Amino acid sequence: MIETLSAYWKFLKYPRLPRQLADKKAVWKELLWLLILDLAFALLIVLTYYTLLKFQLIVKYEDPDLFKYGFPAAMLLAVVLAPFFEELVFRWQLRKPKVSIWFVGISAALVTGSFIKNDNVLFAIYIAFFIATLTATILTDKLKRLKAVHVFRNYYVFLFYYTAIIFGYVHMSNIKGLTLSDPSFILYIGSQIFGGLTMGYIRVKYGLKYSMLLHAVFNAIMVPLAWLSM
């Protein structure tokens, strides 16, 4: 446990792109302890949320209707579909320099666009982000391989944390009426951001299929708990 958490903490202090490992014994151990860590953090968030809610220090928003189509459908969505597609979108690019440029460009454009109501301004913003992203990709192509790797490693700290934050931000759409103007938004997406960090760590260290597995098992535990608490 201590070894796993120490390695994880060391990585978080300065995320870098390590050599991908194929040690099956090590990956199962790290998956177990990081799953426990994710669950513990989620519990802390829930306890903090209900404590603040009890003392009316935060506003309660409408929870997403995860079980609208029943428990089996919720499990299918949360344990199979979400881990596969979300890990593919958010974590696959963590080892793909060119793809990561487009991930940052597209996600930044969409986030910026979510604050803009004017269609003309929105179109201009999307065009500007597209040109900037395309330019960055072309410039990267012109770099020599070693130089490109050096640049990717230097901006990797930003990429890793940005990916986790965007992963959490996207989940704000699950809560009706919640916006960044309410500081309590961090309680609603805190667990997703933290999960984004642990799943990102597993992805870059062992591979995408293991981050999908961690994501799926976490959801497989949390969904039944949410069902029982209804």
C-alpha atoms as a PDB file:
ATOM      1  CA  MET A   1       0.000   0.000   0.000  1.00  0.00           C
ATOM      2  CA  ILE A   2       2.645   2.507   1.094  1.00  0.00           C
ATOM      3  CA  GLU A   3       4.761   1.708  -1.962  1.00  0.00           C
ATOM      4  CA  THR A   4       1.818   2.241  -4.324  1.00  0.00           C
ATOM      5  CA  LEU A   5       0.653   5.491  -2.732  1.00  0.00           C
ATOM      6  CA  SER A   6       4.226   6.785  -2.537  1.00  0.00           C
ATOM      7  CA  ALA A   7       4.784   6.124  -6.258  1.00  0.00           C
ATOM      8  CA  TYR A   8       1.463   7.763  -7.088  1.00  0.00           C
ATOM      9  CA  TRP A   9       2.228  10.835  -4.984  1.00  0.00           C
ATOM     10  CA  LYS A  10       5.672  11.126  -6.552  1.00  0.00           C
ATOM     11  CA  PHE A  11       4.065  11.043  -9.990  1.00  0.00           C
ATOM     12  CA  LEU A  12       1.486  13.704  -9.075  1.00  0.00           C
ATOM     13  CA  LYS A  13       4.207  16.074  -7.856  1.00  0.00           C
ATOM     14  CA  TYR A  14       5.613  16.143 -11.354  1.00  0.00           C
ATOM     15  CA  PRO A  15       3.709  14.074 -13.936  1.00  0.00           C
ATOM     16  CA  ARG A  16       5.942  12.747 -16.663  1.00  0.00           C
ATOM     17  CA  LEU A  17       5.606  10.135 -19.351  1.00  0.00           C
ATOM     18  CA  PRO A  18       7.139   6.931 -17.937  1.00  0.00           C
ATOM     19  CA  ARG A  19       8.008   3.791 -19.816  1.00  0.00           C
ATOM     20  CA  GLN A  20       4.862   1.671 -19.996  1.00  0.00           C
ATOM     21  CA  LEU A  21       5.179  -1.375 -17.737  1.00  0.00           C
ATOM     22  CA  ALA A  22       3.976  -4.918 -18.364  1.00  0.00           C
ATOM     23  CA  ASP A  23       4.301  -6.178 -14.781  1.00  0.00           C
ATOM     24  CA  LYS A  24       0.948  -7.913 -14.243  1.00  0.00           C
ATOM     25  CA  LYS A  25       1.547  -8.462 -10.523  1.00  0.00           C
ATOM     26  CA  ALA A  26       2.322  -4.792  -9.968  1.00  0.00           C
ATOM     27  CA  VAL A  27      -0.647  -3.506 -11.941  1.00  0.00           C
ATOM     28  CA  TRP A  28      -3.193  -5.564  -9.965  1.00  0.00           C
ATOM     29  CA  LYS A  29      -1.717  -4.333  -6.701  1.00  0.00           C
ATOM     30  CA  GLU A  30      -1.783  -0.715  -7.829  1.00  0.00           C
ATOM     31  CA  LEU A  31      -5.305  -1.054  -9.199  1.00  0.00           C
ATOM     32  CA  LEU A  32      -6.531  -2.361  -5.854  1.00  0.00           C
ATOM     33  CA  TRP A  33      -4.970   0.374  -3.739  1.00  0.00           C
ATOM     34  CA  LEU A  34      -5.903   3.172  -6.111  1.00  0.00           C
ATOM     35  CA  LEU A  35      -9.473   1.867  -6.229  1.00  0.00           C
ATOM     36  CA  ILE A  36      -9.564   2.005  -2.430  1.00  0.00           C
ATOM     37  CA  LEU A  37      -8.097   5.513  -2.561  1.00  0.00           C
ATOM     38  CA  ASP A  38     -10.748   6.623  -5.082  1.00  0.00           C
ATOM     39  CA  LEU A  39     -13.533   5.167  -2.945  1.00  0.00           C
ATOM     40  CA  ALA A  40     -12.153   6.817   0.202  1.00  0.00           C
ATOM     41  CA  PHE A  41     -11.964  10.191  -1.537  1.00  0.00           C
ATOM     42  CA  ALA A  42     -15.498   9.786  -2.889  1.00  0.00           C
ATOM     43  CA  LEU A  43     -16.717   8.997   0.640  1.00  0.00           C
ATOM     44  CA  LEU A  44     -14.967  12.111   1.956  1.00  0.00           C
ATOM     45  CA  ILE A  45     -16.673  14.214  -0.729  1.00  0.00           C
ATOM     46  CA  VAL A  46     -20.087  12.719   0.107  1.00  0.00           C
ATOM     47  CA  LEU A  47     -19.666  13.285   3.856  1.00  0.00           C
ATOM     48  CA  THR A  48     -18.520  16.867   3.267  1.00  0.00           C
ATOM     49  CA  TYR A  49     -21.433  17.470   0.900  1.00  0.00           C
ATOM     50  CA  TYR A  50     -24.114  16.249   3.310  1.00  0.00           C
ATOM     51  CA  THR A  51     -22.532  18.053   6.260  1.00  0.00           C
ATOM     52  CA  LEU A  52     -22.556  21.371   4.398  1.00  0.00           C
ATOM     53  CA  LEU A  53     -26.066  20.645   3.141  1.00  0.00           C
ATOM     54  CA  LYS A  54     -27.318  19.955   6.657  1.00  0.00           C
ATOM     55  CA  PHE A  55     -26.086  23.341   7.860  1.00  0.00           C
ATOM     56  CA  GLN A  56     -27.485  24.977   4.697  1.00  0.00           C
ATOM     57  CA  LEU A  57     -24.062  26.214   3.629  1.00  0.00           C
ATOM     58  CA  ILE A  58     -24.543  25.012   0.070  1.00  0.00           C
ATOM     59  CA  VAL A  59     -27.472  24.747  -2.336  1.00  0.00           C
ATOM     60  CA  LYS A  60     -28.870  21.349  -3.287  1.00  0.00           C
ATOM     61  CA  TYR A  61     -29.207  20.800  -7.019  1.00  0.00           C
ATOM     62  CA  GLU A  62     -31.303  18.210  -8.774  1.00  0.00           C
ATOM     63  CA  ASP A  63     -29.429  14.912  -8.999  1.00  0.00           C
ATOM     64  CA  PRO A  64     -29.115  13.179 -12.388  1.00  0.00           C
ATOM     65  CA  ASP A  65     -31.768  10.546 -12.995  1.00  0.00           C
ATOM     66  CA  LEU A  66     -29.301   7.708 -13.484  1.00  0.00           C
ATOM     67  CA  PHE A  67     -31.970   5.055 -12.928  1.00  0.00           C
ATOM     68  CA  LYS A  68     -34.555   6.507 -15.299  1.00  0.00           C
ATOM     69  CA  TYR A  69     -34.512   3.312 -17.355  1.00  0.00           C
ATOM     70  CA  GLY A  70     -33.891   0.961 -14.438  1.00  0.00           C
ATOM     71  CA  PHE A  71     -30.927  -0.519 -12.604  1.00  0.00           C
ATOM     72  CA  PRO A  72     -29.653  -2.812 -15.441  1.00  0.00           C
ATOM     73  CA  ALA A  73     -29.547   0.102 -17.892  1.00  0.00           C
ATOM     74  CA  ALA A  74     -27.707   2.250 -15.341  1.00  0.00           C
ATOM     75  CA  MET A  75     -25.129  -0.493 -14.801  1.00  0.00           C
ATOM     76  CA  LEU A  76     -24.663  -0.915 -18.554  1.00  0.00           C
ATOM     77  CA  LEU A  77     -24.121   2.807 -18.994  1.00  0.00           C
ATOM     78  CA  ALA A  78     -21.859   3.309 -15.979  1.00  0.00           C
ATOM     79  CA  VAL A  79     -19.861   0.075 -15.975  1.00  0.00           C
ATOM     80  CA  VAL A  80     -19.488  -0.662 -19.702  1.00  0.00           C
ATOM     81  CA  LEU A  81     -20.201   2.309 -21.953  1.00  0.00           C
ATOM     82  CA  ALA A  82     -18.888   5.194 -19.832  1.00  0.00           C
ATOM     83  CA  PRO A  83     -15.524   3.589 -18.960  1.00  0.00           C
ATOM     84  CA  PHE A  84     -14.891   2.600 -22.566  1.00  0.00           C
ATOM     85  CA  PHE A  85     -15.818   5.873 -24.265  1.00  0.00           C
ATOM     86  CA  GLU A  86     -14.643   8.264 -21.538  1.00  0.00           C
ATOM     87  CA  GLU A  87     -11.243   6.611 -21.206  1.00  0.00           C
ATOM     88  CA  LEU A  88     -10.896   6.603 -24.983  1.00  0.00           C
ATOM     89  CA  VAL A  89     -11.720  10.316 -25.205  1.00  0.00           C
ATOM     90  CA  PHE A  90      -9.923  11.586 -22.112  1.00  0.00           C
ATOM     91  CA  ARG A  91      -7.026   9.228 -21.441  1.00  0.00           C
ATOM     92  CA  TRP A  92      -5.993   7.695 -24.771  1.00  0.00           C
ATOM     93  CA  GLN A  93      -4.284  10.905 -25.853  1.00  0.00           C
ATOM     94  CA  LEU A  94      -2.008  10.939 -22.788  1.00  0.00           C
ATOM     95  CA  ARG A  95       0.522   8.905 -24.787  1.00  0.00           C
ATOM     96  CA  LYS A  96      -0.264  10.446 -28.169  1.00  0.00           C
ATOM     97  CA  PRO A  97       1.513  13.818 -28.682  1.00  0.00           C
ATOM     98  CA  LYS A  98      -0.354  14.915 -31.839  1.00  0.00           C
ATOM     99  CA  VAL A  99      -3.707  13.664 -30.595  1.00  0.00           C
ATOM    100  CA  SER A 100      -3.149  15.517 -27.315  1.00  0.00           C
ATOM    101  CA  ILE A 101      -2.785  18.799 -29.225  1.00  0.00           C
ATOM    102  CA  TRP A 102      -6.205  18.283 -30.811  1.00  0.00           C
ATOM    103  CA  PHE A 103      -7.677  17.172 -27.488  1.00  0.00           C
ATOM    104  CA  VAL A 104      -6.533  20.398 -25.814  1.00  0.00           C
ATOM    105  CA  GLY A 105      -7.609  22.549 -28.748  1.00  0.00           C
ATOM    106  CA  ILE A 106     -11.070  21.039 -29.162  1.00  0.00           C
ATOM    107  CA  SER A 107     -11.840  20.803 -25.439  1.00  0.00           C
ATOM    108  CA  ALA A 108     -10.625  24.363 -24.796  1.00  0.00           C
ATOM    109  CA  ALA A 109     -12.787  25.612 -27.671  1.00  0.00           C
ATOM    110  CA  LEU A 110     -15.865  23.794 -26.344  1.00  0.00           C
ATOM    111  CA  VAL A 111     -15.336  25.020 -22.782  1.00  0.00           C
ATOM    112  CA  THR A 112     -14.824  28.603 -23.975  1.00  0.00           C
ATOM    113  CA  GLY A 113     -17.848  28.289 -26.236  1.00  0.00           C
ATOM    114  CA  SER A 114     -20.031  27.174 -23.332  1.00  0.00           C
ATOM    115  CA  PHE A 115     -19.778  30.721 -21.936  1.00  0.00           C
ATOM    116  CA  ILE A 116     -20.621  32.436 -25.221  1.00  0.00           C
ATOM    117  CA  LYS A 117     -24.212  33.071 -26.278  1.00  0.00           C
ATOM    118  CA  ASN A 118     -23.618  34.995 -29.513  1.00  0.00           C
ATOM    119  CA  ASP A 119     -23.466  32.603 -32.492  1.00  0.00           C
ATOM    120  CA  ASN A 120     -21.186  34.845 -34.559  1.00  0.00           C
ATOM    121  CA  VAL A 121     -18.677  35.212 -31.726  1.00  0.00           C
ATOM    122  CA  LEU A 122     -18.916  31.486 -31.058  1.00  0.00           C
ATOM    123  CA  PHE A 123     -18.138  30.688 -34.697  1.00  0.00           C
ATOM    124  CA  ALA A 124     -15.139  33.042 -34.638  1.00  0.00           C
ATOM    125  CA  ILE A 125     -13.839  31.411 -31.470  1.00  0.00           C
ATOM    126  CA  TYR A 126     -14.112  27.914 -32.950  1.00  0.00           C
ATOM    127  CA  ILE A 127     -12.288  29.026 -36.101  1.00  0.00           C
ATOM    128  CA  ALA A 128      -9.537  30.667 -34.012  1.00  0.00           C
ATOM    129  CA  PHE A 129      -9.035  27.523 -31.928  1.00  0.00           C
ATOM    130  CA  PHE A 130      -9.013  25.350 -35.053  1.00  0.00           C
ATOM    131  CA  ILE A 131      -6.340  27.504 -36.712  1.00  0.00           C
ATOM    132  CA  ALA A 132      -4.249  27.587 -33.517  1.00  0.00           C
ATOM    133  CA  THR A 133      -4.508  23.814 -33.082  1.00  0.00           C
ATOM    134  CA  LEU A 134      -3.708  23.119 -36.729  1.00  0.00           C
ATOM    135  CA  THR A 135      -0.717  25.481 -36.547  1.00  0.00           C
ATOM    136  CA  ALA A 136       0.579  23.753 -33.413  1.00  0.00           C
ATOM    137  CA  THR A 137       0.244  20.367 -35.118  1.00  0.00           C
ATOM    138  CA  ILE A 138       2.113  21.545 -38.237  1.00  0.00           C
ATOM    139  CA  LEU A 139       4.899  23.077 -36.162  1.00  0.00           C
ATOM    140  CA  THR A 140       5.200  19.839 -34.193  1.00  0.00           C
ATOM    141  CA  ASP A 141       5.507  17.894 -37.462  1.00  0.00           C
ATOM    142  CA  LYS A 142       8.380  20.118 -38.517  1.00  0.00           C
ATOM    143  CA  LEU A 143      10.361  19.407 -35.343  1.00  0.00           C
ATOM    144  CA  LYS A 144      12.923  16.664 -35.281  1.00  0.00           C
ATOM    145  CA  ARG A 145      11.756  13.589 -33.372  1.00  0.00           C
ATOM    146  CA  LEU A 146      13.946  14.149 -30.311  1.00  0.00           C
ATOM    147  CA  LYS A 147      12.961  17.815 -30.155  1.00  0.00           C
ATOM    148  CA  ALA A 148       9.260  16.913 -30.460  1.00  0.00           C
ATOM    149  CA  VAL A 149       9.589  14.382 -27.627  1.00  0.00           C
ATOM    150  CA  HIS A 150      11.347  17.019 -25.502  1.00  0.00           C
ATOM    151  CA  VAL A 151       8.548  19.543 -26.095  1.00  0.00           C
ATOM    152  CA  PHE A 152       5.881  16.929 -25.292  1.00  0.00           C
ATOM    153  CA  ARG A 153       7.601  15.987 -22.031  1.00  0.00           C
ATOM    154  CA  ASN A 154       7.937  19.640 -21.024  1.00  0.00           C
ATOM    155  CA  TYR A 155       4.227  20.366 -21.430  1.00  0.00           C
ATOM    156  CA  TYR A 156       3.143  17.014 -20.030  1.00  0.00           C
ATOM    157  CA  VAL A 157       2.487  18.388 -16.521  1.00  0.00           C
ATOM    158  CA  PHE A 158      -0.080  20.783 -17.966  1.00  0.00           C
ATOM    159  CA  LEU A 159      -1.611  18.095 -20.195  1.00  0.00           C
ATOM    160  CA  PHE A 160      -2.039  15.569 -17.398  1.00  0.00           C
ATOM    161  CA  TYR A 161      -3.741  17.940 -14.953  1.00  0.00           C
ATOM    162  CA  TYR A 162      -5.731  19.664 -17.694  1.00  0.00           C
ATOM    163  CA  THR A 163      -7.148  16.303 -18.787  1.00  0.00           C
ATOM    164  CA  ALA A 164      -8.319  15.478 -15.252  1.00  0.00           C
ATOM    165  CA  ILE A 165      -9.891  18.915 -14.780  1.00  0.00           C
ATOM    166  CA  ILE A 166     -11.705  18.772 -18.127  1.00  0.00           C
ATOM    167  CA  PHE A 167     -12.916  15.264 -17.237  1.00  0.00           C
ATOM    168  CA  GLY A 168     -14.461  16.681 -14.061  1.00  0.00           C
ATOM    169  CA  TYR A 169     -15.807  19.784 -15.791  1.00  0.00           C
ATOM    170  CA  VAL A 170     -17.683  17.728 -18.377  1.00  0.00           C
ATOM    171  CA  HIS A 171     -19.516  15.944 -15.559  1.00  0.00           C
ATOM    172  CA  MET A 172     -20.973  19.259 -14.383  1.00  0.00           C
ATOM    173  CA  SER A 173     -23.558  18.808 -17.120  1.00  0.00           C
ATOM    174  CA  ASN A 174     -24.997  15.931 -15.057  1.00  0.00           C
ATOM    175  CA  ILE A 175     -26.219  18.406 -12.429  1.00  0.00           C
ATOM    176  CA  LYS A 176     -29.044  20.642 -13.598  1.00  0.00           C
ATOM    177  CA  GLY A 177     -28.469  24.332 -12.878  1.00  0.00           C
ATOM    178  CA  LEU A 178     -24.931  23.938 -11.558  1.00  0.00           C
ATOM    179  CA  THR A 179     -22.454  26.547 -12.827  1.00  0.00           C
ATOM    180  CA  LEU A 180     -18.951  27.727 -11.951  1.00  0.00           C
ATOM    181  CA  SER A 181     -20.497  30.744 -10.207  1.00  0.00           C
ATOM    182  CA  ASP A 182     -21.368  28.448  -7.288  1.00  0.00           C
ATOM    183  CA  PRO A 183     -18.130  27.437  -5.472  1.00  0.00           C
ATOM    184  CA  SER A 184     -19.805  24.208  -4.344  1.00  0.00           C
ATOM    185  CA  PHE A 185     -19.342  22.898  -7.898  1.00  0.00           C
ATOM    186  CA  ILE A 186     -16.068  21.372  -6.687  1.00  0.00           C
ATOM    187  CA  LEU A 187     -18.044  19.023  -4.422  1.00  0.00           C
ATOM    188  CA  TYR A 188     -20.053  17.783  -7.395  1.00  0.00           C
ATOM    189  CA  ILE A 189     -17.071  17.130  -9.636  1.00  0.00           C
ATOM    190  CA  GLY A 190     -14.293  16.614  -7.078  1.00  0.00           C
ATOM    191  CA  SER A 191     -14.522  12.836  -7.212  1.00  0.00           C
ATOM    192  CA  GLN A 192     -14.378  12.849 -11.026  1.00  0.00           C
ATOM    193  CA  ILE A 193     -11.290  15.078 -11.035  1.00  0.00           C
ATOM    194  CA  PHE A 194      -9.563  12.864  -8.491  1.00  0.00           C
ATOM    195  CA  GLY A 195     -10.590   9.783 -10.464  1.00  0.00           C
ATOM    196  CA  GLY A 196      -9.198  11.442 -13.580  1.00  0.00           C
ATOM    197  CA  LEU A 197      -5.828  11.662 -11.849  1.00  0.00           C
ATOM    198  CA  THR A 198      -5.744   8.026 -10.726  1.00  0.00           C
ATOM    199  CA  MET A 199      -7.039   6.666 -14.022  1.00  0.00           C
ATOM    200  CA  GLY A 200      -4.608   8.886 -15.917  1.00  0.00           C
ATOM    201  CA  TYR A 201      -1.755   7.540 -13.800  1.00  0.00           C
ATOM    202  CA  ILE A 202      -2.768   3.937 -14.487  1.00  0.00           C
ATOM    203  CA  ARG A 203      -3.226   4.674 -18.192  1.00  0.00           C
ATOM    204  CA  VAL A 204       0.257   6.113 -18.728  1.00  0.00           C
ATOM    205  CA  LYS A 205       1.950   3.540 -16.523  1.00  0.00           C
ATOM    206  CA  TYR A 206       0.222   0.314 -17.603  1.00  0.00           C
ATOM    207  CA  GLY A 207      -2.075   1.022 -20.547  1.00  0.00           C
ATOM    208  CA  LEU A 208      -5.564   2.183 -21.497  1.00  0.00           C
ATOM    209  CA  LYS A 209      -7.318  -1.124 -20.797  1.00  0.00           C
ATOM    210  CA  TYR A 210      -6.315  -0.911 -17.135  1.00  0.00           C
ATOM    211  CA  SER A 211      -7.658   2.637 -16.725  1.00  0.00           C
ATOM    212  CA  MET A 212     -10.899   1.388 -18.286  1.00  0.00           C
ATOM    213  CA  LEU A 213     -10.937  -1.440 -15.762  1.00  0.00           C
ATOM    214  CA  LEU A 214     -10.354   0.893 -12.804  1.00  0.00           C
ATOM    215  CA  HIS A 215     -13.105   3.184 -14.087  1.00  0.00           C
ATOM    216  CA  ALA A 216     -15.525   0.271 -14.554  1.00  0.00           C
ATOM    217  CA  VAL A 217     -14.920  -1.299 -11.126  1.00  0.00           C
ATOM    218  CA  PHE A 218     -15.280   2.064  -9.369  1.00  0.00           C
ATOM    219  CA  ASN A 219     -18.620   2.663 -11.090  1.00  0.00           C
ATOM    220  CA  ALA A 220     -19.681  -0.932 -10.429  1.00  0.00           C
ATOM    221  CA  ILE A 221     -19.354  -0.214  -6.709  1.00  0.00           C
ATOM    222  CA  MET A 222     -20.823   3.292  -6.677  1.00  0.00           C
ATOM    223  CA  VAL A 223     -23.924   2.655  -8.816  1.00  0.00           C
ATOM    224  CA  PRO A 224     -25.403  -0.074  -6.562  1.00  0.00           C
ATOM    225  CA  LEU A 225     -24.685   2.122  -3.526  1.00  0.00           C
ATOM    226  CA  ALA A 226     -26.563   4.986  -5.185  1.00  0.00           C
ATOM    227  CA  TRP A 227     -29.431   2.590  -5.990  1.00  0.00           C
ATOM    228  CA  LEU A 228     -29.650   1.397  -2.383  1.00  0.00           C
ATOM    229  CA  SER A 229     -29.612   4.946  -1.035  1.00  0.00           C
ATOM    230  CA  MET A 230     -32.708   5.938  -3.055  1.00  0.00           C
END
